[in-house]
């Protein structure tokens, strides 16, 4: 069974901080690079940060230095600490593997968590 359960999104003013969490099925978490993806209306989901099983991280330029991705094996969870938030960080955030998880020709996504950065 595939479990990707995101949480932590909310309305926050510019300059604020948020911490997103994602609980992942253990078998998926332990053997995959994990990532956070962001989607805004009318655009595809874009990867913003990723972390390997060895905790090597990579970020897109737009969030580098502001966002920190981490993983906790004891909790089978991936986190995204978001600091110095900007209005352009607004979107629905999803966690998934890299590349995204596909089984039996089906792409798996969780419900996502909504982040709104606005004054």
Protein backbone atom coordinates (compact mmCIF):
# COMPACT_ATOMS: atom_id res chain seq x y z
CA UNK A 1 0.00 0.00 0.00
CA UNK A 2 1.28 3.43 -0.96
CA UNK A 3 1.16 6.11 1.72
CA UNK A 4 2.09 9.72 1.00
CA UNK A 5 0.43 11.99 3.55
CA UNK A 6 1.39 15.66 3.57
CA UNK A 7 0.57 18.20 6.27
CA UNK A 8 1.61 21.55 7.67
CA UNK A 9 0.48 24.00 5.03
CA UNK A 10 -1.35 27.18 6.02
CA UNK A 11 -1.66 30.90 5.40
CA UNK A 12 1.50 32.75 6.42
CA UNK A 13 2.66 36.35 5.84
CA UNK A 14 5.69 37.15 3.68
CA UNK A 15 8.87 36.60 5.64
CA UNK A 16 7.28 33.91 7.77
CA UNK A 17 8.17 30.25 8.23
CA UNK A 18 6.45 26.90 7.88
CA UNK A 19 7.42 23.28 8.34
CA UNK A 20 5.80 20.74 6.07
CA UNK A 21 5.69 17.05 6.96
CA UNK A 22 5.08 13.94 4.89
CA UNK A 23 4.56 10.43 6.20
CA UNK A 24 5.63 7.78 3.70
CA UNK A 25 5.15 4.04 3.46
CA UNK A 26 8.21 2.44 5.03
CA UNK A 27 9.22 0.34 2.02
CA UNK A 28 9.04 3.39 -0.22
CA UNK A 29 10.81 5.72 2.20
CA UNK A 30 13.80 3.49 2.90
CA UNK A 31 14.83 2.86 -0.69
CA UNK A 32 14.13 6.10 -2.52
CA UNK A 33 15.27 9.64 -2.95
CA UNK A 34 12.41 11.77 -1.68
CA UNK A 35 11.38 15.21 -2.81
CA UNK A 36 8.92 18.02 -2.36
CA UNK A 37 7.05 19.23 -5.41
CA UNK A 38 5.03 22.43 -5.80
CA UNK A 39 2.07 23.06 -8.04
CA UNK A 40 0.39 26.36 -8.82
CA UNK A 41 -2.84 26.63 -10.84
CA UNK A 42 -2.34 26.08 -14.55
CA UNK A 43 1.20 24.79 -14.22
CA UNK A 44 2.74 21.34 -13.75
CA UNK A 45 4.14 20.12 -10.47
CA UNK A 46 7.76 21.16 -10.19
CA UNK A 47 10.37 19.63 -7.93
CA UNK A 48 11.70 22.18 -5.42
CA UNK A 49 13.90 20.10 -3.10
CA UNK A 50 15.14 16.52 -2.91
CA UNK A 51 17.06 14.33 -0.48
CA UNK A 52 18.74 11.01 -1.14
CA UNK A 53 18.71 8.01 1.18
CA UNK A 54 22.15 9.21 2.26
CA UNK A 55 20.74 12.68 3.05
CA UNK A 56 22.40 14.49 0.17
CA UNK A 57 20.17 17.44 -0.66
CA UNK A 58 19.50 19.52 -3.74
CA UNK A 59 17.35 22.60 -4.24
CA UNK A 60 16.08 24.69 -7.11
CA UNK A 61 17.66 28.14 -7.19
CA UNK A 62 14.43 29.87 -6.17
CA UNK A 63 14.40 28.22 -2.73
CA UNK A 64 18.09 27.54 -2.07
CA UNK A 65 19.18 29.13 1.19
CA UNK A 66 15.59 29.49 2.41
CA UNK A 67 14.23 25.93 2.39
CA UNK A 68 15.71 22.87 4.09
CA UNK A 69 14.62 19.33 3.30
CA UNK A 70 15.26 16.55 5.79
CA UNK A 71 14.22 12.97 6.46
CA UNK A 72 13.71 10.94 9.61
CA UNK A 73 14.01 7.18 9.22
CA UNK A 74 12.47 6.52 12.64
CA UNK A 75 9.28 8.27 11.50
CA UNK A 76 9.39 7.34 7.79
CA UNK A 77 8.91 11.04 7.21
CA UNK A 78 10.22 13.83 5.03
CA UNK A 79 10.16 17.45 6.11
CA UNK A 80 10.48 20.82 4.43
CA UNK A 81 11.46 23.76 6.59
CA UNK A 82 10.48 26.91 4.74
CA UNK A 83 11.92 30.21 5.92
CA UNK A 84 11.78 33.77 4.59
CA UNK A 85 8.68 32.85 2.64
CA UNK A 86 7.74 34.87 -0.44
CA UNK A 87 4.42 35.26 -2.20
CA UNK A 88 5.79 33.21 -5.09
CA UNK A 89 6.19 30.23 -2.75
CA UNK A 90 2.40 29.93 -2.69
CA UNK A 91 1.11 26.62 -4.01
CA UNK A 92 0.11 23.08 -3.22
CA UNK A 93 3.04 21.04 -1.95
CA UNK A 94 3.39 17.31 -2.45
CA UNK A 95 6.01 14.80 -1.46
CA UNK A 96 6.98 11.92 -3.70
CA UNK A 97 9.93 9.89 -4.83
CA UNK A 98 12.43 10.89 -7.51
CA UNK A 99 11.35 10.01 -10.11
CA UNK A 100 7.70 10.05 -9.04
CA UNK A 101 6.24 6.79 -7.86
CA UNK A 102 4.52 4.71 -10.54
CA UNK A 103 3.13 1.22 -9.99
CA UNK A 104 1.10 -0.75 -12.54
CA UNK A 105 1.14 2.30 -14.83
CA UNK A 106 -0.46 4.44 -12.10
CA UNK A 107 1.22 7.58 -10.78
CA UNK A 108 0.82 7.95 -7.03
CA UNK A 109 0.33 11.31 -5.32
CA UNK A 110 -0.94 12.26 -1.91
CA UNK A 111 -3.53 14.97 -1.32
CA UNK A 112 -0.88 17.64 -0.87
CA UNK A 113 -0.86 20.52 1.56
CA UNK A 114 -1.68 24.11 0.66
CA UNK A 115 0.75 26.92 1.40
CA UNK A 116 -0.44 30.48 0.95
CA UNK A 117 2.00 33.33 1.47
CA UNK A 118 0.08 36.57 1.67
CA UNK A 119 -0.27 39.65 3.82
